[in-house]
Amino acid sequence: MEDLISLLDKMKTALEGAKVDAEKFSEKRNASAGGRVRKAMQDIKKKAQTVRILVQETRKG
């Protein structure tokens, strides 16, 4: 399983990329950018779940 810090860094990078696309979507109504935002959010959601599982497993020992 991946390292906790590595996962958080990947989430941060994905969020920064999604922010750029979110700006394109909100300012220019670029539909493709909206799709990329949704895809990035789904990826971040999956990584967040992995972080939660990793933390829980670490707490249990």
PDB file of N, CA and C in Angstrom:
ATOM      1  N   MET A   1       0.845  -1.180   0.000  1.00  0.00           N
ATOM      2  CA  MET A   1       0.000   0.000   0.000  1.00  0.00           C
ATOM      3  C   MET A   1       0.893   1.248   0.000  1.00  0.00           C
ATOM      4  N   GLU A   2       0.399   2.305  -0.603  1.00  0.00           N
ATOM      5  CA  GLU A   2       1.183   3.529  -0.726  1.00  0.00           C
ATOM      6  C   GLU A   2       1.380   4.211   0.621  1.00  0.00           C
ATOM      7  N   ASP A   3       2.381   5.042   0.675  1.00  0.00           N
ATOM      8  CA  ASP A   3       2.682   5.832   1.853  1.00  0.00           C
ATOM      9  C   ASP A   3       1.633   6.935   2.023  1.00  0.00           C
ATOM     10  N   LEU A   4       1.303   7.248   3.250  1.00  0.00           N
ATOM     11  CA  LEU A   4       0.289   8.254   3.562  1.00  0.00           C
ATOM     12  C   LEU A   4       0.651   9.614   2.971  1.00  0.00           C
ATOM     13  N   ILE A   5       1.878  10.046   3.175  1.00  0.00           N
ATOM     14  CA  ILE A   5       2.311  11.350   2.668  1.00  0.00           C
ATOM     15  C   ILE A   5       2.274  11.380   1.143  1.00  0.00           C
ATOM     16  N   SER A   6       2.657  10.292   0.513  1.00  0.00           N
ATOM     17  CA  SER A   6       2.624  10.200  -0.942  1.00  0.00           C
ATOM     18  C   SER A   6       1.195  10.357  -1.464  1.00  0.00           C
ATOM     19  N   LEU A   7       0.261   9.696  -0.813  1.00  0.00           N
ATOM     20  CA  LEU A   7      -1.143   9.810  -1.220  1.00  0.00           C
ATOM     21  C   LEU A   7      -1.649  11.239  -1.063  1.00  0.00           C
ATOM     22  N   LEU A   8      -1.304  11.873   0.044  1.00  0.00           N
ATOM     23  CA  LEU A   8      -1.742  13.250   0.268  1.00  0.00           C
ATOM     24  C   LEU A   8      -1.131  14.194  -0.763  1.00  0.00           C
ATOM     25  N   ASP A   9       0.123  13.964  -1.130  1.00  0.00           N
ATOM     26  CA  ASP A   9       0.758  14.782  -2.170  1.00  0.00           C
ATOM     27  C   ASP A   9       0.055  14.605  -3.514  1.00  0.00           C
ATOM     28  N   LYS A  10      -0.310  13.371  -3.838  1.00  0.00           N
ATOM     29  CA  LYS A  10      -1.029  13.111  -5.090  1.00  0.00           C
ATOM     30  C   LYS A  10      -2.398  13.786  -5.077  1.00  0.00           C
ATOM     31  N   MET A  11      -3.070  13.770  -3.928  1.00  0.00           N
ATOM     32  CA  MET A  11      -4.366  14.440  -3.813  1.00  0.00           C
ATOM     33  C   MET A  11      -4.203  15.942  -4.011  1.00  0.00           C
ATOM     34  N   LYS A  12      -3.154  16.505  -3.423  1.00  0.00           N
ATOM     35  CA  LYS A  12      -2.892  17.942  -3.553  1.00  0.00           C
ATOM     36  C   LYS A  12      -2.648  18.319  -5.010  1.00  0.00           C
ATOM     37  N   THR A  13      -1.843  17.524  -5.700  1.00  0.00           N
ATOM     38  CA  THR A  13      -1.544  17.776  -7.110  1.00  0.00           C
ATOM     39  C   THR A  13      -2.813  17.694  -7.955  1.00  0.00           C
ATOM     40  N   ALA A  14      -3.626  16.685  -7.691  1.00  0.00           N
ATOM     41  CA  ALA A  14      -4.880  16.521  -8.434  1.00  0.00           C
ATOM     42  C   ALA A  14      -5.819  17.693  -8.175  1.00  0.00           C
ATOM     43  N   LEU A  15      -5.855  18.171  -6.941  1.00  0.00           N
ATOM     44  CA  LEU A  15      -6.727  19.288  -6.591  1.00  0.00           C
ATOM     45  C   LEU A  15      -6.267  20.578  -7.263  1.00  0.00           C
ATOM     46  N   GLU A  16      -4.959  20.779  -7.323  1.00  0.00           N
ATOM     47  CA  GLU A  16      -4.434  21.965  -7.998  1.00  0.00           C
ATOM     48  C   GLU A  16      -4.784  21.946  -9.483  1.00  0.00           C
ATOM     49  N   GLY A  17      -4.690  20.771 -10.103  1.00  0.00           N
ATOM     50  CA  GLY A  17      -5.070  20.652 -11.509  1.00  0.00           C
ATOM     51  C   GLY A  17      -6.556  20.865 -11.713  1.00  0.00           C
ATOM     52  N   ALA A  18      -7.344  20.353 -10.791  1.00  0.00           N
ATOM     53  CA  ALA A  18      -8.793  20.517 -10.882  1.00  0.00           C
ATOM     54  C   ALA A  18      -9.183  21.982 -10.728  1.00  0.00           C
ATOM     55  N   LYS A  19      -8.426  22.718  -9.932  1.00  0.00           N
ATOM     56  CA  LYS A  19      -8.729  24.138  -9.733  1.00  0.00           C
ATOM     57  C   LYS A  19      -8.615  24.907 -11.044  1.00  0.00           C
ATOM     58  N   VAL A  20      -7.591  24.605 -11.812  1.00  0.00           N
ATOM     59  CA  VAL A  20      -7.403  25.265 -13.109  1.00  0.00           C
ATOM     60  C   VAL A  20      -8.596  24.971 -14.014  1.00  0.00           C
ATOM     61  N   ASP A  21      -8.993  23.701 -14.079  1.00  0.00           N
ATOM     62  CA  ASP A  21     -10.138  23.329 -14.914  1.00  0.00           C
ATOM     63  C   ASP A  21     -11.436  23.919 -14.370  1.00  0.00           C
ATOM     64  N   ALA A  22     -11.562  24.013 -13.060  1.00  0.00           N
ATOM     65  CA  ALA A  22     -12.768  24.600 -12.465  1.00  0.00           C
ATOM     66  C   ALA A  22     -12.892  26.071 -12.845  1.00  0.00           C
ATOM     67  N   GLU A  23     -11.768  26.768 -12.895  1.00  0.00           N
ATOM     68  CA  GLU A  23     -11.789  28.169 -13.313  1.00  0.00           C
ATOM     69  C   GLU A  23     -12.224  28.289 -14.769  1.00  0.00           C
ATOM     70  N   LYS A  24     -11.712  27.401 -15.624  1.00  0.00           N
ATOM     71  CA  LYS A  24     -12.120  27.412 -17.034  1.00  0.00           C
ATOM     72  C   LYS A  24     -13.610  27.144 -17.157  1.00  0.00           C
ATOM     73  N   PHE A  25     -14.090  26.197 -16.358  1.00  0.00           N
ATOM     74  CA  PHE A  25     -15.502  25.838 -16.425  1.00  0.00           C
ATOM     75  C   PHE A  25     -16.383  26.980 -15.926  1.00  0.00           C
ATOM     76  N   SER A  26     -16.022  27.582 -14.801  1.00  0.00           N
ATOM     77  CA  SER A  26     -16.883  28.610 -14.228  1.00  0.00           C
ATOM     78  C   SER A  26     -16.820  29.926 -14.997  1.00  0.00           C
ATOM     79  N   GLU A  27     -15.661  30.257 -15.553  1.00  0.00           N
ATOM     80  CA  GLU A  27     -15.526  31.527 -16.255  1.00  0.00           C
ATOM     81  C   GLU A  27     -15.972  31.457 -17.712  1.00  0.00           C
ATOM     82  N   LYS A  28     -15.629  30.356 -18.388  1.00  0.00           N
ATOM     83  CA  LYS A  28     -15.887  30.256 -19.824  1.00  0.00           C
ATOM     84  C   LYS A  28     -16.944  29.229 -20.183  1.00  0.00           C
ATOM     85  N   ARG A  29     -17.459  28.533 -19.170  1.00  0.00           N
ATOM     86  CA  ARG A  29     -18.454  27.466 -19.378  1.00  0.00           C
ATOM     87  C   ARG A  29     -17.925  26.392 -20.324  1.00  0.00           C
ATOM     88  N   ASN A  30     -16.640  26.077 -20.170  1.00  0.00           N
ATOM     89  CA  ASN A  30     -15.992  25.048 -20.972  1.00  0.00           C
ATOM     90  C   ASN A  30     -16.447  23.681 -20.451  1.00  0.00           C
ATOM     91  N   ALA A  31     -17.277  22.995 -21.219  1.00  0.00           N
ATOM     92  CA  ALA A  31     -17.858  21.720 -20.783  1.00  0.00           C
ATOM     93  C   ALA A  31     -16.794  20.643 -20.580  1.00  0.00           C
ATOM     94  N   SER A  32     -15.778  20.638 -21.415  1.00  0.00           N
ATOM     95  CA  SER A  32     -14.704  19.648 -21.265  1.00  0.00           C
ATOM     96  C   SER A  32     -13.974  19.832 -19.941  1.00  0.00           C
ATOM     97  N   ALA A  33     -13.767  21.072 -19.563  1.00  0.00           N
ATOM     98  CA  ALA A  33     -13.110  21.354 -18.285  1.00  0.00           C
ATOM     99  C   ALA A  33     -13.977  20.867 -17.131  1.00  0.00           C
ATOM    100  N   GLY A  34     -15.281  21.005 -17.262  1.00  0.00           N
ATOM    101  CA  GLY A  34     -16.193  20.502 -16.233  1.00  0.00           C
ATOM    102  C   GLY A  34     -16.079  19.000 -16.070  1.00  0.00           C
ATOM    103  N   GLY A  35     -15.948  18.297 -17.177  1.00  0.00           N
ATOM    104  CA  GLY A  35     -15.768  16.845 -17.126  1.00  0.00           C
ATOM    105  C   GLY A  35     -14.462  16.458 -16.457  1.00  0.00           C
ATOM    106  N   ARG A  36     -13.414  17.232 -16.748  1.00  0.00           N
ATOM    107  CA  ARG A  36     -12.122  16.953 -16.112  1.00  0.00           C
ATOM    108  C   ARG A  36     -12.178  17.215 -14.609  1.00  0.00           C
ATOM    109  N   VAL A  37     -12.927  18.225 -14.208  1.00  0.00           N
ATOM    110  CA  VAL A  37     -13.090  18.504 -12.772  1.00  0.00           C
ATOM    111  C   VAL A  37     -13.785  17.331 -12.099  1.00  0.00           C
ATOM    112  N   ARG A  38     -14.848  16.844 -12.702  1.00  0.00           N
ATOM    113  CA  ARG A  38     -15.579  15.711 -12.127  1.00  0.00           C
ATOM    114  C   ARG A  38     -14.686  14.474 -12.023  1.00  0.00           C
ATOM    115  N   LYS A  39     -13.894  14.221 -13.061  1.00  0.00           N
ATOM    116  CA  LYS A  39     -12.993  13.068 -13.052  1.00  0.00           C
ATOM    117  C   LYS A  39     -11.932  13.223 -11.959  1.00  0.00           C
ATOM    118  N   ALA A  40     -11.381  14.414 -11.832  1.00  0.00           N
ATOM    119  CA  ALA A  40     -10.366  14.661 -10.801  1.00  0.00           C
ATOM    120  C   ALA A  40     -10.958  14.484  -9.407  1.00  0.00           C
ATOM    121  N   MET A  41     -12.183  14.950  -9.211  1.00  0.00           N
ATOM    122  CA  MET A  41     -12.825  14.811  -7.902  1.00  0.00           C
ATOM    123  C   MET A  41     -13.071  13.344  -7.567  1.00  0.00           C
ATOM    124  N   GLN A  42     -13.409  12.556  -8.564  1.00  0.00           N
ATOM    125  CA  GLN A  42     -13.609  11.119  -8.335  1.00  0.00           C
ATOM    126  C   GLN A  42     -12.294  10.461  -7.943  1.00  0.00           C
ATOM    127  N   ASP A  43     -11.218  10.856  -8.605  1.00  0.00           N
ATOM    128  CA  ASP A  43      -9.896  10.318  -8.281  1.00  0.00           C
ATOM    129  C   ASP A  43      -9.486  10.716  -6.860  1.00  0.00           C
ATOM    130  N   ILE A  44      -9.730  11.958  -6.498  1.00  0.00           N
ATOM    131  CA  ILE A  44      -9.409  12.433  -5.151  1.00  0.00           C
ATOM    132  C   ILE A  44     -10.236  11.687  -4.115  1.00  0.00           C
ATOM    133  N   LYS A  45     -11.489  11.434  -4.439  1.00  0.00           N
ATOM    134  CA  LYS A  45     -12.361  10.687  -3.525  1.00  0.00           C
ATOM    135  C   LYS A  45     -11.797   9.286  -3.263  1.00  0.00           C
ATOM    136  N   LYS A  46     -11.337   8.626  -4.319  1.00  0.00           N
ATOM    137  CA  LYS A  46     -10.760   7.283  -4.164  1.00  0.00           C
ATOM    138  C   LYS A  46      -9.490   7.325  -3.318  1.00  0.00           C
ATOM    139  N   LYS A  47      -8.651   8.324  -3.569  1.00  0.00           N
ATOM    140  CA  LYS A  47      -7.424   8.457  -2.787  1.00  0.00           C
ATOM    141  C   LYS A  47      -7.748   8.762  -1.322  1.00  0.00           C
ATOM    142  N   ALA A  48      -8.759   9.589  -1.082  1.00  0.00           N
ATOM    143  CA  ALA A  48      -9.155   9.909   0.290  1.00  0.00           C
ATOM    144  C   ALA A  48      -9.623   8.656   1.020  1.00  0.00           C
ATOM    145  N   GLN A  49     -10.357   7.809   0.339  1.00  0.00           N
ATOM    146  CA  GLN A  49     -10.807   6.559   0.954  1.00  0.00           C
ATOM    147  C   GLN A  49      -9.614   5.674   1.295  1.00  0.00           C
ATOM    148  N   THR A  50      -8.624   5.634   0.415  1.00  0.00           N
ATOM    149  CA  THR A  50      -7.418   4.856   0.686  1.00  0.00           C
ATOM    150  C   THR A  50      -6.686   5.415   1.906  1.00  0.00           C
ATOM    151  N   VAL A  51      -6.627   6.744   2.017  1.00  0.00           N
ATOM    152  CA  VAL A  51      -6.003   7.369   3.187  1.00  0.00           C
ATOM    153  C   VAL A  51      -6.747   6.967   4.450  1.00  0.00           C
ATOM    154  N   ARG A  52      -8.061   7.010   4.410  1.00  0.00           N
ATOM    155  CA  ARG A  52      -8.856   6.648   5.582  1.00  0.00           C
ATOM    156  C   ARG A  52      -8.586   5.207   6.005  1.00  0.00           C
ATOM    157  N   ILE A  53      -8.530   4.312   5.039  1.00  0.00           N
ATOM    158  CA  ILE A  53      -8.271   2.897   5.334  1.00  0.00           C
ATOM    159  C   ILE A  53      -6.867   2.729   5.915  1.00  0.00           C
ATOM    160  N   LEU A  54      -5.891   3.394   5.311  1.00  0.00           N
ATOM    161  CA  LEU A  54      -4.509   3.299   5.781  1.00  0.00           C
ATOM    162  C   LEU A  54      -4.378   3.798   7.221  1.00  0.00           C
ATOM    163  N   VAL A  55      -5.007   4.916   7.515  1.00  0.00           N
ATOM    164  CA  VAL A  55      -4.955   5.459   8.876  1.00  0.00           C
ATOM    165  C   VAL A  55      -5.624   4.504   9.852  1.00  0.00           C
ATOM    166  N   GLN A  56      -6.767   3.980   9.470  1.00  0.00           N
ATOM    167  CA  GLN A  56      -7.485   3.056  10.351  1.00  0.00           C
ATOM    168  C   GLN A  56      -6.663   1.795  10.620  1.00  0.00           C
ATOM    169  N   GLU A  57      -6.037   1.252   9.586  1.00  0.00           N
ATOM    170  CA  GLU A  57      -5.209   0.054   9.755  1.00  0.00           C
ATOM    171  C   GLU A  57      -4.003   0.343  10.647  1.00  0.00           C
ATOM    172  N   THR A  58      -3.431   1.527  10.491  1.00  0.00           N
ATOM    173  CA  THR A  58      -2.280   1.901  11.308  1.00  0.00           C
ATOM    174  C   THR A  58      -2.685   2.060  12.773  1.00  0.00           C
ATOM    175  N   ARG A  59      -3.860   2.626  12.990  1.00  0.00           N
ATOM    176  CA  ARG A  59      -4.342   2.799  14.363  1.00  0.00           C
ATOM    177  C   ARG A  59      -4.590   1.462  15.036  1.00  0.00           C
ATOM    178  N   LYS A  60      -5.097   0.504  14.278  1.00  0.00           N
ATOM    179  CA  LYS A  60      -5.393  -0.814  14.843  1.00  0.00           C
ATOM    180  C   LYS A  60      -4.115  -1.573  15.179  1.00  0.00           C
ATOM    181  N   GLY A  61      -3.076  -1.310  14.408  1.00  0.00           N
ATOM    182  CA  GLY A  61      -1.795  -1.965  14.698  1.00  0.00           C
ATOM    183  C   GLY A  61      -1.530  -3.127  13.916  1.00  0.00           C
TER     184      GLY A  61
END
